[in-house]
C-alpha atoms as a PDB file:
ATOM      1  CA  MET A   1      13.367  28.098 -15.352  1.00  0.00           C
ATOM      2  CA  SER A   2      16.654  27.888 -17.194  1.00  0.00           C
ATOM      3  CA  ARG A   3      20.011  26.713 -15.942  1.00  0.00           C
ATOM      4  CA  PRO A   4      22.093  29.551 -14.421  1.00  0.00           C
ATOM      5  CA  ASN A   5      25.373  30.455 -16.117  1.00  0.00           C
ATOM      6  CA  LEU A   6      28.716  30.113 -14.338  1.00  0.00           C
ATOM      7  CA  GLN A   7      30.959  33.174 -14.666  1.00  0.00           C
ATOM      8  CA  ILE A   8      34.585  33.484 -13.611  1.00  0.00           C
ATOM      9  CA  ALA A   9      35.743  36.876 -12.381  1.00  0.00           C
ATOM     10  CA  LEU A  10      39.354  37.534 -13.187  1.00  0.00           C
ATOM     11  CA  ASP A  11      40.096  39.847 -10.330  1.00  0.00           C
ATOM     12  CA  HIS A  12      43.794  39.839 -10.953  1.00  0.00           C
ATOM     13  CA  ASN A  13      46.430  42.616 -10.612  1.00  0.00           C
ATOM     14  CA  ASP A  14      48.260  41.583 -13.769  1.00  0.00           C
ATOM     15  CA  LEU A  15      47.450  40.117 -17.132  1.00  0.00           C
ATOM     16  CA  GLU A  16      49.881  37.224 -16.909  1.00  0.00           C
ATOM     17  CA  HIS A  17      48.204  35.578 -13.929  1.00  0.00           C
ATOM     18  CA  ALA A  18      44.725  36.251 -15.309  1.00  0.00           C
ATOM     19  CA  LEU A  19      45.578  34.517 -18.591  1.00  0.00           C
ATOM     20  CA  ALA A  20      47.131  31.577 -16.755  1.00  0.00           C
ATOM     21  CA  ASP A  21      43.929  31.124 -14.721  1.00  0.00           C
ATOM     22  CA  VAL A  22      41.474  31.581 -17.573  1.00  0.00           C
ATOM     23  CA  PHE A  23      43.457  29.198 -19.810  1.00  0.00           C
ATOM     24  CA  LYS A  24      42.746  26.477 -17.284  1.00  0.00           C
ATOM     25  CA  VAL A  25      39.031  27.022 -16.791  1.00  0.00           C
ATOM     26  CA  GLY A  26      37.786  29.065 -19.746  1.00  0.00           C
ATOM     27  CA  GLU A  27      36.180  26.018 -21.440  1.00  0.00           C
ATOM     28  CA  VAL A  28      34.337  24.962 -18.243  1.00  0.00           C
ATOM     29  CA  VAL A  29      32.662  28.377 -17.464  1.00  0.00           C
ATOM     30  CA  ASP A  30      29.997  30.040 -19.559  1.00  0.00           C
ATOM     31  CA  ILE A  31      30.996  33.725 -19.122  1.00  0.00           C
ATOM     32  CA  ILE A  32      34.386  35.312 -18.533  1.00  0.00           C
ATOM     33  CA  GLU A  33      34.740  38.552 -16.648  1.00  0.00           C
ATOM     34  CA  VAL A  34      37.718  40.991 -16.909  1.00  0.00           C
ATOM     35  CA  GLY A  35      37.484  42.181 -13.360  1.00  0.00           C
ATOM     36  CA  THR A  36      37.596  45.763 -12.178  1.00  0.00           C
ATOM     37  CA  ILE A  37      41.135  45.656 -10.925  1.00  0.00           C
ATOM     38  CA  LEU A  38      42.315  43.994 -14.119  1.00  0.00           C
ATOM     39  CA  CYS A  39      40.451  46.569 -16.190  1.00  0.00           C
ATOM     40  CA  LEU A  40      42.187  49.368 -14.308  1.00  0.00           C
ATOM     41  CA  GLN A  41      45.646  47.721 -14.535  1.00  0.00           C
ATOM     42  CA  GLU A  42      45.617  46.361 -18.069  1.00  0.00           C
ATOM     43  CA  GLY A  43      42.704  48.051 -19.843  1.00  0.00           C
ATOM     44  CA  GLN A  44      41.753  47.031 -23.427  1.00  0.00           C
ATOM     45  CA  LYS A  45      44.822  44.788 -23.688  1.00  0.00           C
ATOM     46  CA  ALA A  46      43.245  42.342 -21.211  1.00  0.00           C
ATOM     47  CA  ILE A  47      39.966  42.290 -22.986  1.00  0.00           C
ATOM     48  CA  ARG A  48      41.593  41.779 -26.411  1.00  0.00           C
ATOM     49  CA  CYS A  49      43.755  38.960 -25.162  1.00  0.00           C
ATOM     50  CA  ILE A  50      40.979  37.054 -23.546  1.00  0.00           C
ATOM     51  CA  ARG A  51      38.620  37.613 -26.534  1.00  0.00           C
ATOM     52  CA  GLY A  52      41.311  36.182 -28.767  1.00  0.00           C
ATOM     53  CA  MET A  53      41.667  33.038 -26.543  1.00  0.00           C
ATOM     54  CA  PHE A  54      37.877  32.458 -26.186  1.00  0.00           C
ATOM     55  CA  PRO A  55      36.092  33.983 -29.253  1.00  0.00           C
ATOM     56  CA  GLU A  56      32.841  32.135 -28.557  1.00  0.00           C
ATOM     57  CA  LYS A  57      32.458  32.989 -24.869  1.00  0.00           C
ATOM     58  CA  LYS A  58      30.440  35.894 -23.551  1.00  0.00           C
ATOM     59  CA  LEU A  59      32.939  38.483 -22.159  1.00  0.00           C
ATOM     60  CA  VAL A  60      32.242  41.031 -19.491  1.00  0.00           C
ATOM     61  CA  ALA A  61      34.197  44.248 -18.758  1.00  0.00           C
ATOM     62  CA  ASP A  62      33.547  44.853 -15.107  1.00  0.00           C
ATOM     63  CA  THR A  63      34.296  48.613 -15.257  1.00  0.00           C
ATOM     64  CA  LYS A  64      31.766  49.702 -12.626  1.00  0.00           C
ATOM     65  CA  CYS A  65      31.459  52.832 -14.746  1.00  0.00           C
ATOM     66  CA  ALA A  66      30.104  55.898 -12.996  1.00  0.00           C
ATOM     67  CA  ASP A  67      30.550  58.535 -15.720  1.00  0.00           C
ATOM     68  CA  ALA A  68      31.510  58.909 -19.412  1.00  0.00           C
ATOM     69  CA  GLY A  69      29.314  55.835 -20.037  1.00  0.00           C
ATOM     70  CA  GLY A  70      29.336  56.107 -23.878  1.00  0.00           C
ATOM     71  CA  THR A  71      33.090  56.456 -24.129  1.00  0.00           C
ATOM     72  CA  VAL A  72      33.906  53.666 -21.680  1.00  0.00           C
ATOM     73  CA  ALA A  73      31.348  51.362 -23.284  1.00  0.00           C
ATOM     74  CA  LYS A  74      32.652  51.997 -26.824  1.00  0.00           C
ATOM     75  CA  ASN A  75      36.204  51.364 -25.769  1.00  0.00           C
ATOM     76  CA  VAL A  76      35.416  48.072 -24.085  1.00  0.00           C
ATOM     77  CA  ALA A  77      33.161  46.952 -26.923  1.00  0.00           C
ATOM     78  CA  ASP A  78      35.811  47.796 -29.542  1.00  0.00           C
ATOM     79  CA  ALA A  79      38.239  45.567 -27.525  1.00  0.00           C
ATOM     80  CA  GLY A  80      35.739  42.697 -27.647  1.00  0.00           C
ATOM     81  CA  ALA A  81      33.562  42.870 -24.561  1.00  0.00           C
ATOM     82  CA  ASP A  82      29.867  41.879 -24.849  1.00  0.00           C
ATOM     83  CA  PHE A  83      28.627  43.131 -21.490  1.00  0.00           C
ATOM     84  CA  MET A  84      29.793  46.063 -19.340  1.00  0.00           C
ATOM     85  CA  THR A  85      28.981  46.937 -15.818  1.00  0.00           C
ATOM     86  CA  VAL A  86      27.885  50.346 -14.420  1.00  0.00           C
ATOM     87  CA  ILE A  87      27.686  51.164 -10.744  1.00  0.00           C
ATOM     88  CA  CYS A  88      24.167  51.636  -9.457  1.00  0.00           C
ATOM     89  CA  CYS A  89      24.837  55.280  -8.450  1.00  0.00           C
ATOM     90  CA  ALA A  90      25.503  56.260 -12.111  1.00  0.00           C
ATOM     91  CA  THR A  91      23.053  58.692 -13.587  1.00  0.00           C
ATOM     92  CA  ILE A  92      20.391  57.509 -16.038  1.00  0.00           C
ATOM     93  CA  PRO A  93      22.090  59.496 -18.886  1.00  0.00           C
ATOM     94  CA  THR A  94      25.302  57.691 -18.139  1.00  0.00           C
ATOM     95  CA  MET A  95      23.585  54.346 -18.364  1.00  0.00           C
ATOM     96  CA  GLU A  96      21.719  55.295 -21.528  1.00  0.00           C
ATOM     97  CA  ALA A  97      24.925  56.377 -23.186  1.00  0.00           C
ATOM     98  CA  ALA A  98      26.719  53.150 -22.289  1.00  0.00           C
ATOM     99  CA  LYS A  99      23.727  51.031 -23.298  1.00  0.00           C
ATOM    100  CA  LYS A 100      23.987  52.251 -26.920  1.00  0.00           C
ATOM    101  CA  GLU A 101      27.538  50.871 -27.246  1.00  0.00           C
ATOM    102  CA  VAL A 102      27.437  47.316 -25.831  1.00  0.00           C
ATOM    103  CA  GLU A 103      25.293  44.251 -26.357  1.00  0.00           C
ATOM    104  CA  GLU A 104      24.000  44.475 -22.725  1.00  0.00           C
ATOM    105  CA  LEU A 105      24.557  46.715 -19.722  1.00  0.00           C
ATOM    106  CA  GLN A 106      24.717  45.286 -16.204  1.00  0.00           C
ATOM    107  CA  VAL A 107      23.934  47.371 -13.131  1.00  0.00           C
ATOM    108  CA  GLU A 108      26.145  46.526 -10.133  1.00  0.00           C
ATOM    109  CA  LEU A 109      24.157  46.828  -6.890  1.00  0.00           C
ATOM    110  CA  TYR A 110      26.341  48.264  -4.090  1.00  0.00           C
ATOM    111  CA  GLY A 111      25.574  50.213  -1.062  1.00  0.00           C
ATOM    112  CA  ASP A 112      22.240  52.030  -0.720  1.00  0.00           C
ATOM    113  CA  TRP A 113      19.775  51.513  -3.569  1.00  0.00           C
ATOM    114  CA  THR A 114      15.973  51.079  -3.694  1.00  0.00           C
ATOM    115  CA  PHE A 115      13.534  49.176  -5.858  1.00  0.00           C
ATOM    116  CA  GLU A 116      11.018  51.951  -6.585  1.00  0.00           C
ATOM    117  CA  GLN A 117      11.287  55.328  -8.054  1.00  0.00           C
ATOM    118  CA  ALA A 118       9.517  58.216  -6.401  1.00  0.00           C
ATOM    119  CA  ALA A 119       8.941  61.718  -7.724  1.00  0.00           C
ATOM    120  CA  ALA A 120      11.108  63.100  -4.960  1.00  0.00           C
ATOM    121  CA  TRP A 121      14.047  60.991  -6.100  1.00  0.00           C
ATOM    122  CA  ARG A 122      13.661  62.268  -9.648  1.00  0.00           C
ATOM    123  CA  GLU A 123      13.955  65.875  -8.298  1.00  0.00           C
ATOM    124  CA  ILE A 124      17.297  65.173  -6.656  1.00  0.00           C
ATOM    125  CA  GLY A 125      18.545  62.984  -9.439  1.00  0.00           C
ATOM    126  CA  ILE A 126      18.443  59.615  -7.724  1.00  0.00           C
ATOM    127  CA  GLU A 127      17.111  57.016 -10.134  1.00  0.00           C
ATOM    128  CA  GLN A 128      16.566  53.491  -8.895  1.00  0.00           C
ATOM    129  CA  ALA A 129      15.758  49.989 -10.144  1.00  0.00           C
ATOM    130  CA  ALA A 130      12.388  50.872 -11.625  1.00  0.00           C
ATOM    131  CA  ALA A 131      14.046  53.589 -13.738  1.00  0.00           C
ATOM    132  CA  TRP A 132      16.656  51.155 -14.952  1.00  0.00           C
ATOM    133  CA  ARG A 133      13.889  48.882 -16.264  1.00  0.00           C
ATOM    134  CA  GLU A 134      12.213  51.889 -17.842  1.00  0.00           C
ATOM    135  CA  ILE A 135      15.240  52.523 -20.047  1.00  0.00           C
ATOM    136  CA  GLY A 136      15.538  48.890 -21.034  1.00  0.00           C
ATOM    137  CA  ILE A 137      18.339  47.587 -18.846  1.00  0.00           C
ATOM    138  CA  LYS A 138      17.768  43.794 -18.455  1.00  0.00           C
ATOM    139  CA  GLN A 139      20.627  42.788 -16.139  1.00  0.00           C
ATOM    140  CA  ALA A 140      21.362  43.480 -12.518  1.00  0.00           C
ATOM    141  CA  ILE A 141      24.155  42.038 -10.348  1.00  0.00           C
ATOM    142  CA  TYR A 142      23.302  41.493  -6.733  1.00  0.00           C
ATOM    143  CA  HIS A 143      26.503  41.810  -4.830  1.00  0.00           C
ATOM    144  CA  GLN A 144      27.898  40.900  -1.492  1.00  0.00           C
ATOM    145  CA  SER A 145      31.059  43.051  -1.428  1.00  0.00           C
ATOM    146  CA  ARG A 146      34.456  41.714  -0.387  1.00  0.00           C
ATOM    147  CA  ASP A 147      34.590  44.208   2.448  1.00  0.00           C
ATOM    148  CA  ALA A 148      31.106  43.246   3.667  1.00  0.00           C
ATOM    149  CA  LEU A 149      32.033  39.599   3.715  1.00  0.00           C
ATOM    150  CA  LEU A 150      35.343  40.321   5.543  1.00  0.00           C
ATOM    151  CA  SER A 151      33.236  42.129   8.186  1.00  0.00           C
ATOM    152  CA  GLY A 152      31.230  38.942   8.844  1.00  0.00           C
ATOM    153  CA  GLU A 153      28.136  39.343   6.635  1.00  0.00           C
ATOM    154  CA  THR A 154      26.755  36.081   5.021  1.00  0.00           C
ATOM    155  CA  TRP A 155      24.197  35.190   2.405  1.00  0.00           C
ATOM    156  CA  GLY A 156      20.701  34.877   3.929  1.00  0.00           C
ATOM    157  CA  GLU A 157      16.917  35.405   3.539  1.00  0.00           C
ATOM    158  CA  LYS A 158      17.286  39.145   3.253  1.00  0.00           C
ATOM    159  CA  ASP A 159      19.370  38.701   0.141  1.00  0.00           C
ATOM    160  CA  LEU A 160      17.151  36.068  -1.402  1.00  0.00           C
ATOM    161  CA  LYS A 161      14.088  38.373  -1.033  1.00  0.00           C
ATOM    162  CA  LYS A 162      15.851  41.190  -2.912  1.00  0.00           C
ATOM    163  CA  VAL A 163      16.971  38.814  -5.656  1.00  0.00           C
ATOM    164  CA  LYS A 164      13.450  37.456  -6.061  1.00  0.00           C
ATOM    165  CA  LYS A 165      11.997  40.939  -6.230  1.00  0.00           C
ATOM    166  CA  LEU A 166      14.493  42.020  -8.870  1.00  0.00           C
ATOM    167  CA  ILE A 167      13.635  38.969 -10.913  1.00  0.00           C
ATOM    168  CA  GLU A 168       9.905  39.767 -10.488  1.00  0.00           C
ATOM    169  CA  MET A 169      10.678  43.294 -11.973  1.00  0.00           C
ATOM    170  CA  GLY A 170      12.081  41.675 -15.082  1.00  0.00           C
ATOM    171  CA  PHE A 171      15.744  41.697 -14.438  1.00  0.00           C
ATOM    172  CA  ASN A 172      18.138  38.830 -15.359  1.00  0.00           C
ATOM    173  CA  VAL A 173      19.807  38.764 -11.948  1.00  0.00           C
ATOM    174  CA  SER A 174      23.415  37.614 -11.338  1.00  0.00           C
ATOM    175  CA  VAL A 175      24.685  36.915  -7.816  1.00  0.00           C
ATOM    176  CA  THR A 176      28.267  37.282  -6.541  1.00  0.00           C
ATOM    177  CA  GLY A 177      30.348  37.737  -3.457  1.00  0.00           C
ATOM    178  CA  GLY A 178      32.029  34.990  -1.494  1.00  0.00           C
ATOM    179  CA  LEU A 179      30.060  32.179  -3.227  1.00  0.00           C
ATOM    180  CA  ASP A 180      31.080  28.628  -2.767  1.00  0.00           C
ATOM    181  CA  VAL A 181      29.509  25.401  -4.003  1.00  0.00           C
ATOM    182  CA  ASP A 182      27.510  25.016  -0.742  1.00  0.00           C
ATOM    183  CA  THR A 183      26.008  28.537  -1.213  1.00  0.00           C
ATOM    184  CA  LEU A 184      24.296  27.575  -4.414  1.00  0.00           C
ATOM    185  CA  LYS A 185      21.603  25.529  -2.739  1.00  0.00           C
ATOM    186  CA  LEU A 186      20.287  28.599  -1.026  1.00  0.00           C
ATOM    187  CA  PHE A 187      18.997  29.770  -4.433  1.00  0.00           C
ATOM    188  CA  ASP A 188      17.141  26.468  -5.263  1.00  0.00           C
ATOM    189  CA  GLY A 189      13.963  27.422  -6.959  1.00  0.00           C
ATOM    190  CA  ILE A 190      15.062  30.963  -7.843  1.00  0.00           C
ATOM    191  CA  ASP A 191      15.613  31.828 -11.527  1.00  0.00           C
ATOM    192  CA  VAL A 192      19.131  33.177 -11.165  1.00  0.00           C
ATOM    193  CA  TYR A 193      20.780  34.258 -14.437  1.00  0.00           C
ATOM    194  CA  THR A 194      24.437  33.802 -13.541  1.00  0.00           C
ATOM    195  CA  PHE A 195      26.593  32.819 -10.555  1.00  0.00           C
ATOM    196  CA  ILE A 196      29.834  34.832 -10.436  1.00  0.00           C
ATOM    197  CA  THR A 197      32.887  33.641  -8.588  1.00  0.00           C
ATOM    198  CA  GLY A 198      36.532  34.649  -8.623  1.00  0.00           C
ATOM    199  CA  ARG A 199      38.617  33.306  -5.793  1.00  0.00           C
ATOM    200  CA  GLY A 200      36.185  30.435  -5.395  1.00  0.00           C
ATOM    201  CA  ILE A 201      37.815  29.102  -8.568  1.00  0.00           C
ATOM    202  CA  THR A 202      41.158  30.891  -9.044  1.00  0.00           C
ATOM    203  CA  ALA A 203      42.271  30.415  -5.416  1.00  0.00           C
ATOM    204  CA  ALA A 204      41.412  26.732  -5.336  1.00  0.00           C
ATOM    205  CA  LYS A 205      44.168  24.154  -5.192  1.00  0.00           C
ATOM    206  CA  ASN A 206      42.716  22.701  -8.412  1.00  0.00           C
ATOM    207  CA  PRO A 207      40.898  25.445 -10.332  1.00  0.00           C
ATOM    208  CA  VAL A 208      39.600  23.156 -12.983  1.00  0.00           C
ATOM    209  CA  GLU A 209      38.112  20.811 -10.445  1.00  0.00           C
ATOM    210  CA  ALA A 210      36.696  23.780  -8.562  1.00  0.00           C
ATOM    211  CA  ALA A 211      34.993  25.216 -11.675  1.00  0.00           C
ATOM    212  CA  GLN A 212      33.565  21.767 -12.603  1.00  0.00           C
ATOM    213  CA  ASN A 213      32.228  21.417  -9.083  1.00  0.00           C
ATOM    214  CA  PHE A 214      30.378  24.703  -9.382  1.00  0.00           C
ATOM    215  CA  LYS A 215      29.026  23.642 -12.788  1.00  0.00           C
ATOM    216  CA  ASP A 216      28.045  20.221 -11.574  1.00  0.00           C
ATOM    217  CA  GLU A 217      26.081  21.644  -8.588  1.00  0.00           C
ATOM    218  CA  ILE A 218      24.307  24.109 -10.881  1.00  0.00           C
ATOM    219  CA  ILE A 219      23.251  21.233 -13.111  1.00  0.00           C
ATOM    220  CA  ARG A 220      22.219  19.146 -10.111  1.00  0.00           C
ATOM    221  CA  ILE A 221      19.924  21.903  -8.811  1.00  0.00           C
ATOM    222  CA  TRP A 222      18.597  23.449 -12.026  1.00  0.00           C
ATOM    223  CA  GLY A 223      19.126  20.606 -14.541  1.00  0.00           C
ATOM    224  CA  GLN A 224      20.697  20.763 -17.988  1.00  0.00           C
END
């Protein structure tokens, strides 16, 4: 079992504040994410700037793409992104088109999705986790959404079971949504690929210390 990565999500409304935050903690984290809002607000410029600052880091464009997968993926790859996200409701052709243009494609799991693929789902165009593996997608992001957390949901056994099953299916599974340092111990013994946090670092009084605390706890649980 390898040590999980630490990824910072730059969920900013403007590039200036995103750059200020990533400048502080970019060397501590393993992966840098240009968040959905930042992608919408600043586009390729944000990706290019962060790629220039951290040429050796893995860089994610969190587009949550639902259509025009090949075009979106080529645009973010040309700007310097290594990974790109697609939303789980995107069609298999959209995912396949995007997959051709980026190093790796990540499926963001929101709302209603299922593990298995049935013939009936094929007929109505709903392809699920089994189909994603069939076309060679290796990464899935298990997500507790901001709105769900604000409504009172918390991480629990139901989430851990889903994460474990996705790993058993062969996915490299990242987890995100309201994570703090104490949350990490819930995943002890689980082969998580990446922990993703935004405000857990950027909203902290001392972002560098917060990032290092996440990293130290990951190392404590999973080792070097």
